[in-house]
Protein backbone atom coordinates (compact mmCIF):
# COMPACT_ATOMS: atom_id res chain seq x y z
CA MET A 1 -25.68 79.91 44.70
CA GLY A 2 -28.97 80.73 42.80
CA VAL A 3 -31.75 78.36 43.29
CA MET A 4 -33.13 76.44 40.46
CA PRO A 5 -36.85 76.91 39.66
CA GLY A 6 -37.71 73.30 40.27
CA ASP A 7 -35.97 73.75 43.70
CA TYR A 8 -38.02 76.90 44.39
CA GLY A 9 -41.19 75.14 43.29
CA GLU A 10 -40.51 72.07 45.78
CA ARG A 11 -40.13 74.86 48.91
CA VAL A 12 -43.39 76.37 48.38
CA PRO A 13 -45.65 75.14 50.88
CA LYS A 14 -48.83 73.40 49.99
CA SER A 15 -52.12 74.76 51.22
CA ARG A 16 -54.28 72.35 53.40
CA ASN A 17 -57.57 72.32 53.01
CA THR A 18 -60.20 71.60 56.10
CA PHE A 19 -62.47 69.25 53.90
CA SER A 20 -61.00 66.72 51.95
CA SER A 21 -61.50 66.88 48.15
CA TRP A 22 -64.92 65.42 47.70
CA PRO A 23 -66.55 66.81 50.68
CA ARG A 24 -65.53 70.34 49.72
CA ARG A 25 -66.78 69.70 46.11
CA LEU A 26 -69.87 68.77 47.42
CA ALA A 27 -70.07 71.75 49.78
CA GLN A 28 -69.05 74.10 47.15
CA ARG A 29 -72.10 72.70 44.69
CA ALA A 30 -74.37 72.93 47.36
CA VAL A 31 -73.55 76.47 48.12
CA HIS A 32 -73.76 77.17 44.03
CA ALA A 33 -77.20 75.80 43.78
CA GLY A 34 -78.34 77.50 46.99
CA TRP A 35 -77.50 80.95 45.66
CA ALA A 36 -78.73 80.11 42.32
CA TRP A 37 -82.07 79.14 43.75
CA ALA A 38 -82.05 82.29 45.98
CA GLN A 39 -81.67 84.45 42.69
CA ARG A 40 -84.42 82.65 41.00
CA THR A 41 -86.60 83.04 44.25
CA GLY A 42 -85.67 86.41 45.09
CA SER A 43 -85.92 88.00 41.62
CA VAL A 44 -89.10 90.52 41.23
CA THR A 45 -91.70 89.99 38.32
CA ALA A 46 -95.37 91.24 37.56
CA GLU A 47 -96.33 87.75 38.68
CA HIS A 48 -94.24 87.59 41.99
CA PRO A 49 -93.74 91.06 42.96
CA GLY A 50 -92.68 90.26 46.89
CA ARG A 51 -93.24 93.08 49.02
CA LEU A 52 -92.95 95.63 46.16
CA ARG A 53 -95.97 97.25 44.71
CA PHE A 54 -95.14 99.13 41.44
CA GLY A 55 -97.30 101.98 40.27
CA SER A 56 -97.28 99.16 36.91
CA MET A 57 -95.00 96.47 35.80
CA GLY A 58 -95.07 95.11 32.60
CA THR A 59 -95.14 91.58 31.36
CA GLY A 60 -91.57 89.87 31.25
CA THR A 61 -90.15 92.34 33.30
CA ARG A 62 -87.42 91.32 36.12
CA LEU A 63 -85.82 92.62 39.13
CA ALA A 64 -82.63 90.71 39.59
CA PHE A 65 -81.63 89.60 42.96
CA PRO A 66 -80.07 90.77 45.22
CA LEU A 67 -81.81 94.13 44.85
CA GLY A 68 -80.55 97.63 45.37
CA THR A 69 -82.44 100.32 47.28
CA VAL A 70 -86.26 100.40 46.17
CA PHE A 71 -88.59 103.00 47.60
CA GLY A 72 -91.46 104.94 46.23
CA GLU A 73 -92.62 102.05 44.14
CA PRO A 74 -96.30 103.27 43.93
CA TRP A 75 -94.88 106.25 41.65
CA ILE A 76 -92.27 104.06 39.54
CA HIS A 77 -93.81 102.64 36.42
CA LEU A 78 -91.95 99.86 34.59
CA GLY A 79 -92.53 98.79 30.82
CA ALA A 80 -92.36 95.41 29.49
CA HIS A 81 -89.71 93.04 29.17
CA CYS A 82 -87.48 95.11 30.97
CA ILE A 83 -84.07 93.80 32.66
CA ILE A 84 -82.91 95.27 36.00
CA GLY A 85 -79.61 94.09 36.97
CA GLU A 86 -78.48 93.20 40.45
CA GLN A 87 -77.93 95.70 43.01
CA VAL A 88 -79.86 98.36 40.85
CA THR A 89 -81.24 101.11 42.98
CA LEU A 90 -84.46 102.77 41.92
CA THR A 91 -86.11 105.46 44.14
CA ALA A 92 -89.21 107.96 43.74
CA GLY A 93 -89.09 110.99 46.15
CA LEU A 94 -86.40 112.17 48.49
CA MET A 95 -87.28 109.58 51.27
CA PRO A 96 -89.62 106.43 51.75
CA GLY A 97 -93.14 107.29 53.29
CA LEU A 98 -93.75 110.50 51.15
CA GLU A 99 -96.87 111.23 49.14
CA LEU A 100 -96.02 112.23 45.79
CA GLY A 101 -99.25 112.76 44.00
CA PRO A 102 -101.39 111.36 41.16
CA ASP A 103 -98.52 111.09 38.63
CA PRO A 104 -95.37 108.72 38.09
CA ILE A 105 -92.18 110.05 39.09
CA LEU A 106 -89.86 107.38 37.15
CA ARG A 107 -91.14 105.76 34.29
CA LEU A 108 -89.26 103.30 32.06
CA GLY A 109 -90.58 102.21 28.88
CA ASP A 110 -90.35 98.66 27.20
CA GLY A 111 -87.55 96.89 26.67
CA VAL A 112 -85.08 98.99 29.08
CA VAL A 113 -81.94 97.32 30.36
CA LEU A 114 -80.17 98.56 33.55
CA GLY A 115 -76.84 97.37 34.40
CA ARG A 116 -75.50 96.06 37.46
CA GLY A 117 -74.95 98.45 40.33
CA SER A 118 -76.95 101.60 38.46
CA HIS A 119 -78.70 104.29 40.28
CA VAL A 120 -81.75 105.97 38.98
CA ILE A 121 -82.60 108.63 41.71
CA ALA A 122 -86.07 110.43 40.75
CA ASP A 123 -86.78 113.08 43.48
CA THR A 124 -88.66 114.62 40.60
CA THR A 125 -89.66 113.34 37.02
CA VAL A 126 -87.13 110.89 35.10
CA THR A 127 -88.23 109.28 32.21
CA ILE A 128 -86.23 106.76 30.31
CA GLY A 129 -87.49 105.97 26.70
CA SER A 130 -87.96 102.25 25.34
CA ASP A 131 -85.14 100.15 24.34
CA CYS A 132 -82.59 102.10 26.33
CA TYR A 133 -79.48 100.14 27.37
CA PHE A 134 -77.34 101.09 30.31
CA GLY A 135 -73.85 99.53 31.16
CA PRO A 136 -73.06 98.75 35.06
CA TYR A 137 -73.11 101.58 37.54
CA VAL A 138 -74.72 104.28 35.61
CA TYR A 139 -75.95 107.02 37.69
CA VAL A 140 -79.04 109.20 36.83
CA THR A 141 -80.44 111.70 38.97
CA SER A 142 -82.94 114.69 38.98
CA THR A 143 -81.64 116.21 42.17
CA ASN A 144 -78.17 117.93 42.78
CA HIS A 145 -76.80 119.67 46.00
CA SER A 146 -76.99 123.38 46.40
CA TYR A 147 -74.32 125.78 47.58
CA ASP A 148 -76.00 129.14 48.33
CA ASP A 149 -74.24 129.26 51.61
CA PRO A 150 -70.89 129.15 52.04
CA HIS A 151 -70.78 128.70 55.76
CA GLU A 152 -73.54 125.78 55.86
CA PRO A 153 -72.49 121.96 55.33
CA ILE A 154 -73.49 121.16 51.67
CA GLY A 155 -75.46 118.14 52.92
CA LYS A 156 -77.63 120.30 54.70
CA GLN A 157 -78.66 122.83 52.15
CA TRP A 158 -82.04 122.39 50.15
CA PRO A 159 -81.01 120.49 47.05
CA ARG A 160 -82.19 121.69 43.62
CA MET A 161 -84.41 119.40 41.31
CA ASP A 162 -84.76 119.32 37.38
CA PRO A 163 -86.50 116.69 35.11
CA VAL A 164 -84.56 114.34 33.22
CA GLU A 165 -85.68 112.86 29.74
CA ILE A 166 -83.68 110.05 28.00
CA GLY A 167 -84.82 109.38 24.68
CA PRO A 168 -85.65 105.82 23.23
CA GLY A 169 -82.91 103.61 21.72
CA CYS A 170 -80.10 105.06 23.60
CA TRP A 171 -77.12 103.38 24.73
CA ILE A 172 -75.61 104.74 28.25
CA GLY A 173 -71.77 103.53 28.78
CA THR A 174 -70.32 102.16 32.24
CA GLY A 175 -70.14 104.75 35.00
CA ALA A 176 -71.76 107.56 33.01
CA VAL A 177 -73.34 110.14 34.94
CA ILE A 178 -76.62 111.86 33.94
CA LEU A 179 -77.51 114.92 35.72
CA PRO A 180 -80.53 117.02 36.92
CA GLY A 181 -81.95 118.59 33.54
CA ALA A 182 -80.47 116.53 31.00
CA ARG A 183 -82.28 116.06 27.81
CA ILE A 184 -81.03 113.13 25.68
CA GLY A 185 -82.50 112.77 22.48
CA ARG A 186 -83.24 109.31 20.54
CA ASN A 187 -80.60 106.85 19.73
CA VAL A 188 -77.77 108.53 21.38
CA VAL A 189 -74.55 106.93 22.77
CA VAL A 190 -73.05 108.32 25.85
CA ALA A 191 -69.52 107.17 26.45
CA ALA A 192 -68.20 105.21 29.21
CA GLY A 193 -67.63 107.83 32.19
CA ALA A 194 -69.33 110.77 30.38
CA VAL A 195 -71.18 113.34 32.49
CA VAL A 196 -74.12 114.79 30.91
CA ARG A 197 -75.98 117.84 31.57
CA GLY A 198 -78.28 120.22 29.21
CA THR A 199 -79.54 119.10 26.06
CA VAL A 200 -78.31 116.37 23.62
CA PRO A 201 -79.65 116.20 19.83
CA ASP A 202 -80.77 113.00 18.48
CA HIS A 203 -78.50 110.87 16.89
CA ALA A 204 -75.30 111.72 18.69
CA VAL A 205 -72.23 110.41 20.47
CA VAL A 206 -71.09 112.27 23.47
CA ALA A 207 -68.20 111.93 25.51
CA GLY A 208 -66.26 113.70 28.28
CA ALA A 209 -66.89 115.49 31.61
CA PRO A 210 -68.88 117.48 30.75
CA ALA A 211 -69.93 115.55 27.90
CA ARG A 212 -69.82 117.17 24.47
CA VAL A 213 -70.97 115.81 20.91
CA VAL A 214 -68.15 114.02 19.23
CA ARG A 215 -69.98 112.57 16.47
CA ARG A 216 -73.58 112.85 14.96
CA TRP A 217 -75.79 111.90 12.28
CA THR A 218 -77.93 114.23 10.03
CA PRO A 219 -80.12 113.00 7.10
CA ASP A 220 -78.44 115.39 4.60
CA GLY A 221 -74.71 114.64 5.99
CA GLY A 222 -74.80 111.20 7.46
CA TRP A 223 -72.23 110.81 10.03
CA GLN A 224 -69.67 113.87 10.88
CA PRO A 225 -67.08 113.16 11.22
CA PRO A 226 -67.30 110.11 9.13
CA LEU A 227 -67.10 106.47 10.53
CA ARG A 228 -63.74 105.02 11.17
CA THR A 229 -64.93 101.45 10.51
CA PRO A 230 -67.42 100.49 7.53
CA ALA A 231 -71.08 100.00 8.28
CA PRO A 232 -71.86 96.30 8.45
CA VAL A 233 -72.79 94.38 5.18
CA PRO A 234 -76.41 93.01 5.12
CA ILE A 235 -76.60 89.48 4.75
CA PRO A 236 -77.45 88.67 1.22
CA GLU A 237 -81.18 87.26 0.57
CA GLY A 238 -81.09 83.59 -0.37
CA VAL A 239 -78.37 82.74 1.94
CA THR A 240 -79.31 79.90 4.27
CA PRO A 241 -78.45 79.24 7.71
CA GLU A 242 -76.34 76.22 6.42
CA GLN A 243 -74.27 78.22 4.52
CA LEU A 244 -73.70 80.78 7.29
CA ARG A 245 -72.50 78.16 9.60
CA ALA A 246 -70.02 76.54 6.77
CA LEU A 247 -68.68 80.24 6.07
CA SER A 248 -68.19 80.59 9.89
CA ALA A 249 -66.16 77.69 10.01
CA LEU A 250 -63.71 78.73 7.23
CA ASP A 251 -60.16 79.97 8.18
CA GLU A 252 -58.56 82.92 6.90
CA GLU A 253 -56.88 81.29 3.80
CA ALA A 254 -60.31 79.81 2.43
CA VAL A 255 -61.99 83.12 2.89
CA ALA A 256 -59.06 84.95 0.99
CA ARG A 257 -59.61 82.38 -1.65
CA LEU A 258 -63.26 82.95 -2.18
CA ALA A 259 -62.68 86.57 -2.19
CA GLU A 260 -60.18 85.96 -5.07
CA LEU A 261 -62.74 83.81 -6.88
CA ASP A 262 -65.19 86.56 -6.41
CA GLY A 263 -62.91 89.11 -7.77
CA GLN A 264 -61.96 86.95 -11.12
CA ASP A 265 -65.73 86.87 -12.15
CA PRO A 266 -66.18 90.23 -14.27
CA HIS A 267 -70.03 89.35 -15.04
CA ARG A 268 -71.31 89.12 -11.26
CA PRO A 269 -71.86 92.43 -9.52
CA ALA A 270 -69.48 93.29 -6.79
CA GLY A 271 -70.16 92.06 -3.32
CA ASP A 272 -72.78 89.42 -4.01
CA GLY A 273 -71.38 86.43 -2.87
CA THR A 274 -74.43 84.39 -2.78
CA ASP A 275 -73.19 81.86 -5.66
CA ARG A 276 -70.09 81.11 -3.88
CA LEU A 277 -71.74 80.55 -0.83
CA VAL A 278 -73.52 77.58 -2.73
CA GLU A 279 -70.42 76.08 -2.98
CA LEU A 280 -70.18 75.63 1.06
CA GLU A 281 -73.71 73.70 1.17
CA PRO A 282 -73.01 70.27 2.79
CA GLY A 283 -72.57 67.70 0.24
CA SER A 284 -71.85 70.28 -2.84
C-alpha cells in the first residue's frame, strides 16, 4: 500500500538546533556583522594600504578583502577608481623579494574592474588599459611553461616570458585565459572561457580555445557579421525622469496601445514618442 504525501511528510525527522531560535538569530547577526566589519576594515586603499606598498595607487581604488596572493607590489601600479574583487591575485616577478628594476611590471589603467578570483601574473610586463572589465576567475599571465627537454619534469624547466597588453575599454568574460604575448586591441570582447594568444584587432569579439575573431566592427562596414539584436535607441531629448518612471510602470498592453497610437499619426516622424510620453506625466 503506497504512502500518502501527507504521511510521508510527517515521518521526516525534524532537525534540532543546538540553540533556541532567538539566540541563534542573534549569533547569526553577530557573525554577519563581524564579517562585514572585517571586509570593510581589511580592504586596501591608498589611504589605508595596510602592509602593501604599491608603486602607485590612484584615488578611489580598492582591493576587496579577503585578498588573494599579492607580491612585488613596488612594481605594481594601479590607476584611479579601480575595483579589485575578493581573492584576486596580483604578482610582479617570479617570486617575492626580487629586485625588478626601475620600471613598472604590472600596470592597471583607471577604472579597471577585476572580478572575484582573477589572477594577473606579471613575471614580465603586463599592461591593462583603462576601463577594462574582467569577469570572475580570469587568468592573465606573461609566463608559460617550456617543454624543451622531454625527459625533465615540465615544472623544473625554465619558463618562457612574453609581455601582455590589453587595450582600453575591453570586456574579458568569466574564466578567460590570456596567454603570454597576447596583444588585445581597444574595446574588444573576449568571450567566457576563451583562450587568447597572439594579436586581436580593435573592436573585435573573440571566442574559443584558441580564440578566434567571430565578429568585428570597422568604420566602413560596421559590424560583420551583423548584430542579431538591434542597437539600443537613445532616449529622446526632452523626456523627463517622471515620464521614464511612468513608462517603466506600464504593462505590455499599455505599451502596445501607445505604439498603435504612434503609428496612427502620419504627420509625426516615426520613432519620436516624446508627445505620447507627455500623456504619462503625473496629473496629465
